[in-house]
Amino acid sequence: PNWTSRVPGSSWDVDQVRANIDSRAVALVDARPGPRFLGLAPEPRAGMRGGHIPGSLSMPFLDLLTSPKGQMKPRDELDKRLREATLSVDELTKPGELCVVSSCGSGLTACIV
């Protein structure tokens, strides 16, 4: 789909993603469920390739939410999950720096991460 952010710099194009594969300057976090990240489950939309962007980290968005209410987990639980993905809250909150880019299949669940 053709989608344009209203906030400059808040989304990346394919060239920026490709450059980050080599530089690893920013953590690229994939919000899809683990089997989709690994390419073991089919993508829900026809024509979408399975697997993940090289160098990206798996952080399924459901791991960040409480059940059944679907609210964000407490900070200590989020920090634990980030550490499991080799990240930390402190790394992701550097003032004035872009520290993480999130992805998924459509952009919706990436917003949760």
PDB file of N, CA and C in Angstrom:
ATOM      1  N   PRO A   1       0.819  -1.197   0.000  1.00  0.00           N
ATOM      2  CA  PRO A   1       0.000   0.000   0.000  1.00  0.00           C
ATOM      3  C   PRO A   1       0.859   1.256   0.000  1.00  0.00           C
ATOM      4  N   ASN A   2       0.320   2.297  -0.571  1.00  0.00           N
ATOM      5  CA  ASN A   2       0.996   3.585  -0.558  1.00  0.00           C
ATOM      6  C   ASN A   2       0.571   4.328   0.694  1.00  0.00           C
ATOM      7  N   TRP A   3       1.506   4.507   1.595  1.00  0.00           N
ATOM      8  CA  TRP A   3       1.235   5.160   2.865  1.00  0.00           C
ATOM      9  C   TRP A   3       2.336   6.166   3.108  1.00  0.00           C
ATOM     10  N   THR A   4       1.955   7.342   3.532  1.00  0.00           N
ATOM     11  CA  THR A   4       2.928   8.386   3.821  1.00  0.00           C
ATOM     12  C   THR A   4       2.702   8.896   5.225  1.00  0.00           C
ATOM     13  N   SER A   5       3.764   8.916   6.004  1.00  0.00           N
ATOM     14  CA  SER A   5       3.677   9.437   7.363  1.00  0.00           C
ATOM     15  C   SER A   5       3.511  10.943   7.330  1.00  0.00           C
ATOM     16  N   ARG A   6       2.748  11.451   8.275  1.00  0.00           N
ATOM     17  CA  ARG A   6       2.609  12.897   8.408  1.00  0.00           C
ATOM     18  C   ARG A   6       3.742  13.483   9.247  1.00  0.00           C
ATOM     19  N   VAL A   7       4.538  12.627   9.856  1.00  0.00           N
ATOM     20  CA  VAL A   7       5.636  13.081  10.708  1.00  0.00           C
ATOM     21  C   VAL A   7       6.942  12.746  10.000  1.00  0.00           C
ATOM     22  N   PRO A   8       7.668  13.732   9.505  1.00  0.00           N
ATOM     23  CA  PRO A   8       8.922  13.466   8.794  1.00  0.00           C
ATOM     24  C   PRO A   8       9.882  12.635   9.645  1.00  0.00           C
ATOM     25  N   GLY A   9      10.471  11.612   9.012  1.00  0.00           N
ATOM     26  CA  GLY A   9      11.447  10.780   9.698  1.00  0.00           C
ATOM     27  C   GLY A   9      10.854   9.673  10.545  1.00  0.00           C
ATOM     28  N   SER A  10       9.525   9.569  10.588  1.00  0.00           N
ATOM     29  CA  SER A  10       8.917   8.553  11.447  1.00  0.00           C
ATOM     30  C   SER A  10       8.730   7.201  10.759  1.00  0.00           C
ATOM     31  N   SER A  11       9.048   7.121   9.493  1.00  0.00           N
ATOM     32  CA  SER A  11       9.006   5.834   8.803  1.00  0.00           C
ATOM     33  C   SER A  11      10.230   5.730   7.891  1.00  0.00           C
ATOM     34  N   TRP A  12      10.610   4.495   7.608  1.00  0.00           N
ATOM     35  CA  TRP A  12      11.773   4.243   6.763  1.00  0.00           C
ATOM     36  C   TRP A  12      11.336   3.673   5.427  1.00  0.00           C
ATOM     37  N   ASP A  13      12.149   3.951   4.414  1.00  0.00           N
ATOM     38  CA  ASP A  13      11.920   3.318   3.122  1.00  0.00           C
ATOM     39  C   ASP A  13      12.865   2.118   3.002  1.00  0.00           C
ATOM     40  N   VAL A  14      12.717   1.379   1.916  1.00  0.00           N
ATOM     41  CA  VAL A  14      13.497   0.155   1.746  1.00  0.00           C
ATOM     42  C   VAL A  14      14.999   0.434   1.704  1.00  0.00           C
ATOM     43  N   ASP A  15      15.414   1.563   1.175  1.00  0.00           N
ATOM     44  CA  ASP A  15      16.847   1.881   1.127  1.00  0.00           C
ATOM     45  C   ASP A  15      17.418   2.080   2.532  1.00  0.00           C
ATOM     46  N   GLN A  16      16.656   2.714   3.407  1.00  0.00           N
ATOM     47  CA  GLN A  16      17.116   2.906   4.784  1.00  0.00           C
ATOM     48  C   GLN A  16      17.210   1.568   5.514  1.00  0.00           C
ATOM     49  N   VAL A  17      16.252   0.695   5.267  1.00  0.00           N
ATOM     50  CA  VAL A  17      16.282  -0.634   5.893  1.00  0.00           C
ATOM     51  C   VAL A  17      17.499  -1.403   5.390  1.00  0.00           C
ATOM     52  N   ARG A  18      17.727  -1.373   4.087  1.00  0.00           N
ATOM     53  CA  ARG A  18      18.889  -2.086   3.521  1.00  0.00           C
ATOM     54  C   ARG A  18      20.208  -1.547   4.084  1.00  0.00           C
ATOM     55  N   ALA A  19      20.321  -0.239   4.211  1.00  0.00           N
ATOM     56  CA  ALA A  19      21.551   0.354   4.764  1.00  0.00           C
ATOM     57  C   ALA A  19      21.753  -0.094   6.210  1.00  0.00           C
ATOM     58  N   ASN A  20      20.675  -0.233   6.950  1.00  0.00           N
ATOM     59  CA  ASN A  20      20.781  -0.634   8.354  1.00  0.00           C
ATOM     60  C   ASN A  20      21.163  -2.107   8.514  1.00  0.00           C
ATOM     61  N   ILE A  21      20.899  -2.923   7.492  1.00  0.00           N
ATOM     62  CA  ILE A  21      21.300  -4.331   7.547  1.00  0.00           C
ATOM     63  C   ILE A  21      22.813  -4.407   7.709  1.00  0.00           C
ATOM     64  N   ASP A  22      23.528  -3.550   7.007  1.00  0.00           N
ATOM     65  CA  ASP A  22      24.989  -3.537   7.102  1.00  0.00           C
ATOM     66  C   ASP A  22      25.493  -2.763   8.311  1.00  0.00           C
ATOM     67  N   SER A  23      24.915  -1.615   8.570  1.00  0.00           N
ATOM     68  CA  SER A  23      25.449  -0.747   9.628  1.00  0.00           C
ATOM     69  C   SER A  23      24.997  -1.150  11.024  1.00  0.00           C
ATOM     70  N   ARG A  24      23.809  -1.726  11.125  1.00  0.00           N
ATOM     71  CA  ARG A  24      23.215  -2.072  12.430  1.00  0.00           C
ATOM     72  C   ARG A  24      23.223  -0.875  13.382  1.00  0.00           C
ATOM     73  N   ALA A  25      23.065   0.322  12.833  1.00  0.00           N
ATOM     74  CA  ALA A  25      23.080   1.544  13.632  1.00  0.00           C
ATOM     75  C   ALA A  25      21.855   1.651  14.530  1.00  0.00           C
ATOM     76  N   VAL A  26      20.762   1.050  14.095  1.00  0.00           N
ATOM     77  CA  VAL A  26      19.497   1.125  14.811  1.00  0.00           C
ATOM     78  C   VAL A  26      18.965  -0.297  14.978  1.00  0.00           C
ATOM     79  N   ALA A  27      18.379  -0.582  16.123  1.00  0.00           N
ATOM     80  CA  ALA A  27      17.765  -1.890  16.337  1.00  0.00           C
ATOM     81  C   ALA A  27      16.495  -1.988  15.509  1.00  0.00           C
ATOM     82  N   LEU A  28      16.401  -3.005  14.673  1.00  0.00           N
ATOM     83  CA  LEU A  28      15.210  -3.254  13.880  1.00  0.00           C
ATOM     84  C   LEU A  28      14.445  -4.390  14.553  1.00  0.00           C
ATOM     85  N   VAL A  29      13.264  -4.089  15.071  1.00  0.00           N
ATOM     86  CA  VAL A  29      12.481  -5.023  15.869  1.00  0.00           C
ATOM     87  C   VAL A  29      11.245  -5.444  15.097  1.00  0.00           C
ATOM     88  N   ASP A  30      11.054  -6.750  14.965  1.00  0.00           N
ATOM     89  CA  ASP A  30       9.922  -7.325  14.229  1.00  0.00           C
ATOM     90  C   ASP A  30       8.832  -7.711  15.217  1.00  0.00           C
ATOM     91  N   ALA A  31       7.634  -7.157  15.052  1.00  0.00           N
ATOM     92  CA  ALA A  31       6.533  -7.351  15.992  1.00  0.00           C
ATOM     93  C   ALA A  31       5.664  -8.572  15.690  1.00  0.00           C
ATOM     94  N   ARG A  32       5.958  -9.295  14.629  1.00  0.00           N
ATOM     95  CA  ARG A  32       5.124 -10.442  14.262  1.00  0.00           C
ATOM     96  C   ARG A  32       5.379 -11.636  15.177  1.00  0.00           C
ATOM     97  N   PRO A  33       4.425 -12.578  15.237  1.00  0.00           N
ATOM     98  CA  PRO A  33       4.642 -13.789  16.027  1.00  0.00           C
ATOM     99  C   PRO A  33       5.896 -14.536  15.566  1.00  0.00           C
ATOM    100  N   GLY A  34       6.528 -15.233  16.500  1.00  0.00           N
ATOM    101  CA  GLY A  34       7.774 -15.948  16.227  1.00  0.00           C
ATOM    102  C   GLY A  34       7.764 -16.826  14.992  1.00  0.00           C
ATOM    103  N   PRO A  35       6.730 -17.667  14.789  1.00  0.00           N
ATOM    104  CA  PRO A  35       6.746 -18.515  13.596  1.00  0.00           C
ATOM    105  C   PRO A  35       6.764 -17.742  12.277  1.00  0.00           C
ATOM    106  N   ARG A  36       6.122 -16.600  12.240  1.00  0.00           N
ATOM    107  CA  ARG A  36       6.185 -15.771  11.022  1.00  0.00           C
ATOM    108  C   ARG A  36       7.570 -15.165  10.868  1.00  0.00           C
ATOM    109  N   PHE A  37       8.168 -14.692  11.961  1.00  0.00           N
ATOM    110  CA  PHE A  37       9.523 -14.146  11.944  1.00  0.00           C
ATOM    111  C   PHE A  37      10.496 -15.187  11.385  1.00  0.00           C
ATOM    112  N   LEU A  38      10.331 -16.424  11.806  1.00  0.00           N
ATOM    113  CA  LEU A  38      11.222 -17.510  11.374  1.00  0.00           C
ATOM    114  C   LEU A  38      10.876 -18.073   9.998  1.00  0.00           C
ATOM    115  N   GLY A  39       9.764 -17.631   9.417  1.00  0.00           N
ATOM    116  CA  GLY A  39       9.355 -18.135   8.117  1.00  0.00           C
ATOM    117  C   GLY A  39       8.711 -19.506   8.188  1.00  0.00           C
ATOM    118  N   LEU A  40       8.267 -19.916   9.380  1.00  0.00           N
ATOM    119  CA  LEU A  40       7.665 -21.235   9.568  1.00  0.00           C
ATOM    120  C   LEU A  40       6.150 -21.214   9.428  1.00  0.00           C
ATOM    121  N   ALA A  41       5.555 -20.035   9.504  1.00  0.00           N
ATOM    122  CA  ALA A  41       4.106 -19.890   9.341  1.00  0.00           C
ATOM    123  C   ALA A  41       3.852 -19.002   8.130  1.00  0.00           C
ATOM    124  N   PRO A  42       2.794 -19.270   7.404  1.00  0.00           N
ATOM    125  CA  PRO A  42       2.514 -18.457   6.208  1.00  0.00           C
ATOM    126  C   PRO A  42       2.103 -17.037   6.575  1.00  0.00           C
ATOM    127  N   GLU A  43       2.421 -16.133   5.695  1.00  0.00           N
ATOM    128  CA  GLU A  43       1.983 -14.752   5.857  1.00  0.00           C
ATOM    129  C   GLU A  43       0.494 -14.683   5.513  1.00  0.00           C
ATOM    130  N   PRO A  44      -0.275 -13.852   6.216  1.00  0.00           N
ATOM    131  CA  PRO A  44      -1.716 -13.803   5.982  1.00  0.00           C
ATOM    132  C   PRO A  44      -2.130 -13.155   4.658  1.00  0.00           C
ATOM    133  N   ARG A  45      -1.240 -12.422   4.026  1.00  0.00           N
ATOM    134  CA  ARG A  45      -1.566 -11.779   2.757  1.00  0.00           C
ATOM    135  C   ARG A  45      -0.820 -12.467   1.616  1.00  0.00           C
ATOM    136  N   ALA A  46      -1.535 -12.734   0.563  1.00  0.00           N
ATOM    137  CA  ALA A  46      -0.950 -13.390  -0.611  1.00  0.00           C
ATOM    138  C   ALA A  46       0.207 -12.570  -1.160  1.00  0.00           C
ATOM    139  N   GLY A  47       1.262 -13.251  -1.570  1.00  0.00           N
ATOM    140  CA  GLY A  47       2.394 -12.595  -2.199  1.00  0.00           C
ATOM    141  C   GLY A  47       3.441 -12.052  -1.243  1.00  0.00           C
ATOM    142  N   MET A  48       3.200 -12.151   0.061  1.00  0.00           N
ATOM    143  CA  MET A  48       4.181 -11.667   1.042  1.00  0.00           C
ATOM    144  C   MET A  48       5.194 -12.780   1.311  1.00  0.00           C
ATOM    145  N   ARG A  49       6.460 -12.426   1.278  1.00  0.00           N
ATOM    146  CA  ARG A  49       7.523 -13.385   1.519  1.00  0.00           C
ATOM    147  C   ARG A  49       7.660 -13.628   3.023  1.00  0.00           C
ATOM    148  N   GLY A  50       7.903 -14.846   3.420  1.00  0.00           N
ATOM    149  CA  GLY A  50       8.071 -15.195   4.828  1.00  0.00           C
ATOM    150  C   GLY A  50       9.481 -14.919   5.312  1.00  0.00           C
ATOM    151  N   GLY A  51       9.658 -15.013   6.610  1.00  0.00           N
ATOM    152  CA  GLY A  51      10.972 -14.798   7.209  1.00  0.00           C
ATOM    153  C   GLY A  51      11.103 -13.385   7.734  1.00  0.00           C
ATOM    154  N   HIS A  52      12.353 -12.963   7.935  1.00  0.00           N
ATOM    155  CA  HIS A  52      12.591 -11.659   8.551  1.00  0.00           C
ATOM    156  C   HIS A  52      13.735 -10.919   7.871  1.00  0.00           C
ATOM    157  N   ILE A  53      13.823  -9.654   8.160  1.00  0.00           N
ATOM    158  CA  ILE A  53      14.901  -8.810   7.651  1.00  0.00           C
ATOM    159  C   ILE A  53      16.188  -9.228   8.358  1.00  0.00           C
ATOM    160  N   PRO A  54      17.259  -9.461   7.623  1.00  0.00           N
ATOM    161  CA  PRO A  54      18.513  -9.865   8.266  1.00  0.00           C
ATOM    162  C   PRO A  54      18.927  -8.890   9.377  1.00  0.00           C
ATOM    163  N   GLY A  55      19.308  -9.452  10.506  1.00  0.00           N
ATOM    164  CA  GLY A  55      19.753  -8.637  11.635  1.00  0.00           C
ATOM    165  C   GLY A  55      18.634  -8.129  12.519  1.00  0.00           C
ATOM    166  N   SER A  56      17.379  -8.360  12.129  1.00  0.00           N
ATOM    167  CA  SER A  56      16.276  -7.877  12.961  1.00  0.00           C
ATOM    168  C   SER A  56      16.078  -8.794  14.163  1.00  0.00           C
ATOM    169  N   LEU A  57      15.426  -8.241  15.182  1.00  0.00           N
ATOM    170  CA  LEU A  57      15.167  -8.966  16.413  1.00  0.00           C
ATOM    171  C   LEU A  57      13.688  -9.294  16.497  1.00  0.00           C
ATOM    172  N   SER A  58      13.370 -10.462  17.014  1.00  0.00           N
ATOM    173  CA  SER A  58      11.977 -10.862  17.171  1.00  0.00           C
ATOM    174  C   SER A  58      11.449 -10.383  18.514  1.00  0.00           C
ATOM    175  N   MET A  59      10.349  -9.622  18.459  1.00  0.00           N
ATOM    176  CA  MET A  59       9.667  -9.190  19.666  1.00  0.00           C
ATOM    177  C   MET A  59       8.167  -9.192  19.381  1.00  0.00           C
ATOM    178  N   PRO A  60       7.548 -10.381  19.446  1.00  0.00           N
ATOM    179  CA  PRO A  60       6.116 -10.451  19.149  1.00  0.00           C
ATOM    180  C   PRO A  60       5.314  -9.491  20.021  1.00  0.00           C
ATOM    181  N   PHE A  61       4.465  -8.709  19.384  1.00  0.00           N
ATOM    182  CA  PHE A  61       3.744  -7.665  20.098  1.00  0.00           C
ATOM    183  C   PHE A  61       2.880  -8.213  21.225  1.00  0.00           C
ATOM    184  N   LEU A  62       2.356  -9.426  21.082  1.00  0.00           N
ATOM    185  CA  LEU A  62       1.523  -9.993  22.146  1.00  0.00           C
ATOM    186  C   LEU A  62       2.321 -10.231  23.431  1.00  0.00           C
ATOM    187  N   ASP A  63       3.647 -10.389  23.309  1.00  0.00           N
ATOM    188  CA  ASP A  63       4.493 -10.562  24.494  1.00  0.00           C
ATOM    189  C   ASP A  63       4.573  -9.283  25.328  1.00  0.00           C
ATOM    190  N   LEU A  64       4.162  -8.160  24.761  1.00  0.00           N
ATOM    191  CA  LEU A  64       4.246  -6.872  25.443  1.00  0.00           C
ATOM    192  C   LEU A  64       2.936  -6.455  26.092  1.00  0.00           C
ATOM    193  N   LEU A  65       1.893  -7.229  25.862  1.00  0.00           N
ATOM    194  CA  LEU A  65       0.560  -6.865  26.338  1.00  0.00           C
ATOM    195  C   LEU A  65       0.061  -7.817  27.417  1.00  0.00           C
ATOM    196  N   THR A  66      -0.775  -7.287  28.296  1.00  0.00           N
ATOM    197  CA  THR A  66      -1.403  -8.123  29.313  1.00  0.00           C
ATOM    198  C   THR A  66      -2.560  -8.887  28.682  1.00  0.00           C
ATOM    199  N   SER A  67      -2.917  -9.958  29.315  1.00  0.00           N
ATOM    200  CA  SER A  67      -4.062 -10.722  28.862  1.00  0.00           C
ATOM    201  C   SER A  67      -5.049 -10.782  30.016  1.00  0.00           C
ATOM    202  N   PRO A  68      -6.310 -10.558  29.834  1.00  0.00           N
ATOM    203  CA  PRO A  68      -7.039 -10.403  28.575  1.00  0.00           C
ATOM    204  C   PRO A  68      -7.249  -8.960  28.148  1.00  0.00           C
ATOM    205  N   LYS A  69      -6.826  -7.976  28.928  1.00  0.00           N
ATOM    206  CA  LYS A  69      -7.172  -6.578  28.634  1.00  0.00           C
ATOM    207  C   LYS A  69      -6.396  -5.972  27.474  1.00  0.00           C
ATOM    208  N   GLY A  70      -5.238  -6.510  27.144  1.00  0.00           N
ATOM    209  CA  GLY A  70      -4.465  -5.977  26.043  1.00  0.00           C
ATOM    210  C   GLY A  70      -3.808  -4.644  26.331  1.00  0.00           C
ATOM    211  N   GLN A  71      -3.464  -4.410  27.599  1.00  0.00           N
ATOM    212  CA  GLN A  71      -2.749  -3.185  27.967  1.00  0.00           C
ATOM    213  C   GLN A  71      -1.255  -3.491  28.017  1.00  0.00           C
ATOM    214  N   MET A  72      -0.445  -2.441  27.927  1.00  0.00           N
ATOM    215  CA  MET A  72       1.003  -2.645  28.020  1.00  0.00           C
ATOM    216  C   MET A  72       1.343  -3.222  29.392  1.00  0.00           C
ATOM    217  N   LYS A  73       2.281  -4.166  29.386  1.00  0.00           N
ATOM    218  CA  LYS A  73       2.728  -4.756  30.642  1.00  0.00           C
ATOM    219  C   LYS A  73       3.477  -3.707  31.461  1.00  0.00           C
ATOM    220  N   PRO A  74       3.644  -3.947  32.754  1.00  0.00           N
ATOM    221  CA  PRO A  74       4.414  -3.013  33.584  1.00  0.00           C
ATOM    222  C   PRO A  74       5.854  -2.887  33.079  1.00  0.00           C
ATOM    223  N   ARG A  75       6.477  -1.741  33.378  1.00  0.00           N
ATOM    224  CA  ARG A  75       7.819  -1.447  32.874  1.00  0.00           C
ATOM    225  C   ARG A  75       8.829  -2.552  33.187  1.00  0.00           C
ATOM    226  N   ASP A  76       8.792  -3.126  34.400  1.00  0.00           N
ATOM    227  CA  ASP A  76       9.778  -4.155  34.732  1.00  0.00           C
ATOM    228  C   ASP A  76       9.607  -5.387  33.851  1.00  0.00           C
ATOM    229  N   GLU A  77       8.373  -5.746  33.511  1.00  0.00           N
ATOM    230  CA  GLU A  77       8.142  -6.882  32.619  1.00  0.00           C
ATOM    231  C   GLU A  77       8.574  -6.553  31.185  1.00  0.00           C
ATOM    232  N   LEU A  78       8.313  -5.315  30.760  1.00  0.00           N
ATOM    233  CA  LEU A  78       8.760  -4.897  29.422  1.00  0.00           C
ATOM    234  C   LEU A  78      10.276  -4.903  29.343  1.00  0.00           C
ATOM    235  N   ASP A  79      10.930  -4.413  30.378  1.00  0.00           N
ATOM    236  CA  ASP A  79      12.390  -4.389  30.390  1.00  0.00           C
ATOM    237  C   ASP A  79      12.951  -5.810  30.323  1.00  0.00           C
ATOM    238  N   LYS A  80      12.323  -6.738  31.031  1.00  0.00           N
ATOM    239  CA  LYS A  80      12.761  -8.141  30.980  1.00  0.00           C
ATOM    240  C   LYS A  80      12.653  -8.674  29.557  1.00  0.00           C
ATOM    241  N   ARG A  81      11.540  -8.398  28.886  1.00  0.00           N
ATOM    242  CA  ARG A  81      11.349  -8.869  27.517  1.00  0.00           C
ATOM    243  C   ARG A  81      12.345  -8.210  26.567  1.00  0.00           C
ATOM    244  N   LEU A  82      12.617  -6.936  26.771  1.00  0.00           N
ATOM    245  CA  LEU A  82      13.617  -6.250  25.944  1.00  0.00           C
ATOM    246  C   LEU A  82      14.997  -6.865  26.135  1.00  0.00           C
ATOM    247  N   ARG A  83      15.357  -7.157  27.379  1.00  0.00           N
ATOM    248  CA  ARG A  83      16.665  -7.780  27.640  1.00  0.00           C
ATOM    249  C   ARG A  83      16.768  -9.139  26.953  1.00  0.00           C
ATOM    250  N   GLU A  84      15.670  -9.887  26.939  1.00  0.00           N
ATOM    251  CA  GLU A  84      15.655 -11.183  26.249  1.00  0.00           C
ATOM    252  C   GLU A  84      15.931 -11.003  24.756  1.00  0.00           C
ATOM    253  N   ALA A  85      15.552  -9.852  24.224  1.00  0.00           N
ATOM    254  CA  ALA A  85      15.791  -9.537  22.809  1.00  0.00           C
ATOM    255  C   ALA A  85      17.093  -8.756  22.622  1.00  0.00           C
ATOM    256  N   THR A  86      17.929  -8.727  23.657  1.00  0.00           N
ATOM    257  CA  THR A  86      19.225  -8.026  23.680  1.00  0.00           C
ATOM    258  C   THR A  86      19.093  -6.515  23.579  1.00  0.00           C
ATOM    259  N   LEU A  87      18.004  -5.965  24.121  1.00  0.00           N
ATOM    260  CA  LEU A  87      17.790  -4.520  24.181  1.00  0.00           C
ATOM    261  C   LEU A  87      17.516  -4.136  25.629  1.00  0.00           C
ATOM    262  N   SER A  88      17.444  -2.838  25.887  1.00  0.00           N
ATOM    263  CA  SER A  88      17.043  -2.370  27.207  1.00  0.00           C
ATOM    264  C   SER A  88      16.241  -1.081  27.050  1.00  0.00           C
ATOM    265  N   VAL A  89      15.415  -0.793  28.045  1.00  0.00           N
ATOM    266  CA  VAL A  89      14.633   0.438  28.013  1.00  0.00           C
ATOM    267  C   VAL A  89      15.560   1.639  27.901  1.00  0.00           C
ATOM    268  N   ASP A  90      16.679   1.631  28.638  1.00  0.00           N
ATOM    269  CA  ASP A  90      17.612   2.759  28.599  1.00  0.00           C
ATOM    270  C   ASP A  90      18.183   2.976  27.199  1.00  0.00           C
ATOM    271  N   GLU A  91      18.487   1.888  26.494  1.00  0.00           N
ATOM    272  CA  GLU A  91      19.009   2.011  25.129  1.00  0.00           C
ATOM    273  C   GLU A  91      17.996   2.641  24.184  1.00  0.00           C
ATOM    274  N   LEU A  92      16.735   2.391  24.455  1.00  0.00           N
ATOM    275  CA  LEU A  92      15.683   2.840  23.544  1.00  0.00           C
ATOM    276  C   LEU A  92      15.145   4.214  23.872  1.00  0.00           C
ATOM    277  N   THR A  93      15.686   4.844  24.889  1.00  0.00           N
ATOM    278  CA  THR A  93      15.153   6.147  25.303  1.00  0.00           C
ATOM    279  C   THR A  93      16.222   7.220  25.356  1.00  0.00           C
ATOM    280  N   LYS A  94      17.177   7.153  24.474  1.00  0.00           N
ATOM    281  CA  LYS A  94      18.211   8.183  24.402  1.00  0.00           C
ATOM    282  C   LYS A  94      17.613   9.438  23.792  1.00  0.00           C
ATOM    283  N   PRO A  95      17.657  10.561  24.498  1.00  0.00           N
ATOM    284  CA  PRO A  95      17.054  11.796  23.972  1.00  0.00           C
ATOM    285  C   PRO A  95      17.631  12.199  22.620  1.00  0.00           C
ATOM    286  N   GLY A  96      16.756  12.495  21.693  1.00  0.00           N
ATOM    287  CA  GLY A  96      17.180  13.013  20.395  1.00  0.00           C
ATOM    288  C   GLY A  96      17.747  11.985  19.452  1.00  0.00           C
ATOM    289  N   GLU A  97      17.742  10.710  19.804  1.00  0.00           N
ATOM    290  CA  GLU A  97      18.320   9.684  18.939  1.00  0.00           C
ATOM    291  C   GLU A  97      17.264   8.679  18.524  1.00  0.00           C
ATOM    292  N   LEU A  98      17.313   8.263  17.262  1.00  0.00           N
ATOM    293  CA  LEU A  98      16.483   7.166  16.801  1.00  0.00           C
ATOM    294  C   LEU A  98      17.204   5.889  17.170  1.00  0.00           C
ATOM    295  N   CYS A  99      16.606   5.101  18.045  1.00  0.00           N
ATOM    296  CA  CYS A  99      17.276   3.917  18.567  1.00  0.00           C
ATOM    297  C   CYS A  99      16.661   2.616  18.093  1.00  0.00           C
ATOM    298  N   VAL A 100      15.412   2.665  17.649  1.00  0.00           N
ATOM    299  CA  VAL A 100      14.731   1.447  17.222  1.00  0.00           C
ATOM    300  C   VAL A 100      13.757   1.771  16.087  1.00  0.00           C
ATOM    301  N   VAL A 101      13.658   0.828  15.164  1.00  0.00           N
ATOM    302  CA  VAL A 101      12.658   0.871  14.110  1.00  0.00           C
ATOM    303  C   VAL A 101      11.905  -0.441  14.218  1.00  0.00           C
ATOM    304  N   SER A 102      10.592  -0.377  14.209  1.00  0.00           N
ATOM    305  CA  SER A 102       9.803  -1.599  14.315  1.00  0.00           C
ATOM    306  C   SER A 102       9.161  -1.923  12.981  1.00  0.00           C
ATOM    307  N   SER A 103       8.943  -3.225  12.776  1.00  0.00           N
ATOM    308  CA  SER A 103       8.322  -3.684  11.528  1.00  0.00           C
ATOM    309  C   SER A 103       7.352  -4.825  11.844  1.00  0.00           C
ATOM    310  N   CYS A 104       6.491  -5.076  10.893  1.00  0.00           N
ATOM    311  CA  CYS A 104       5.576  -6.220  10.963  1.00  0.00           C
ATOM    312  C   CYS A 104       5.142  -6.481   9.527  1.00  0.00           C
ATOM    313  N   GLY A 105       3.994  -7.038   9.321  1.00  0.00           N
ATOM    314  CA  GLY A 105       3.538  -7.280   7.957  1.00  0.00           C
ATOM    315  C   GLY A 105       2.832  -6.094   7.334  1.00  0.00           C
ATOM    316  N   SER A 106       2.168  -5.293   8.169  1.00  0.00           N
ATOM    317  CA  SER A 106       1.367  -4.195   7.632  1.00  0.00           C
ATOM    318  C   SER A 106       1.661  -2.829   8.245  1.00  0.00           C
ATOM    319  N   GLY A 107       2.299  -2.805   9.406  1.00  0.00           N
ATOM    320  CA  GLY A 107       2.567  -1.553  10.103  1.00  0.00           C
ATOM    321  C   GLY A 107       1.709  -1.354  11.332  1.00  0.00           C
ATOM    322  N   LEU A 108       0.663  -2.130  11.472  1.00  0.00           N
ATOM    323  CA  LEU A 108      -0.226  -1.957  12.612  1.00  0.00           C
ATOM    324  C   LEU A 108       0.396  -2.445  13.917  1.00  0.00           C
ATOM    325  N   THR A 109       0.817  -3.701  13.957  1.00  0.00           N
ATOM    326  CA  THR A 109       1.378  -4.225  15.204  1.00  0.00           C
ATOM    327  C   THR A 109       2.753  -3.647  15.501  1.00  0.00           C
ATOM    328  N   ALA A 110       3.438  -3.167  14.480  1.00  0.00           N
ATOM    329  CA  ALA A 110       4.723  -2.507  14.719  1.00  0.00           C
ATOM    330  C   ALA A 110       4.564  -1.280  15.595  1.00  0.00           C
ATOM    331  N   CYS A 111       3.408  -0.653  15.500  1.00  0.00           N
ATOM    332  CA  CYS A 111       3.146   0.543  16.324  1.00  0.00           C
ATOM    333  C   CYS A 111       3.133   0.211  17.810  1.00  0.00           C
ATOM    334  N   ILE A 112       2.779  -1.002  18.178  1.00  0.00           N
ATOM    335  CA  ILE A 112       2.761  -1.400  19.592  1.00  0.00           C
ATOM    336  C   ILE A 112       4.178  -1.467  20.128  1.00  0.00           C
ATOM    337  N   VAL A 113       5.084  -2.000  19.321  1.00  0.00           N
ATOM    338  CA  VAL A 113       6.482  -2.104  19.735  1.00  0.00           C
ATOM    339  C   VAL A 113       7.101  -0.734  19.788  1.00  0.00           C
TER     340      VAL A 113
END
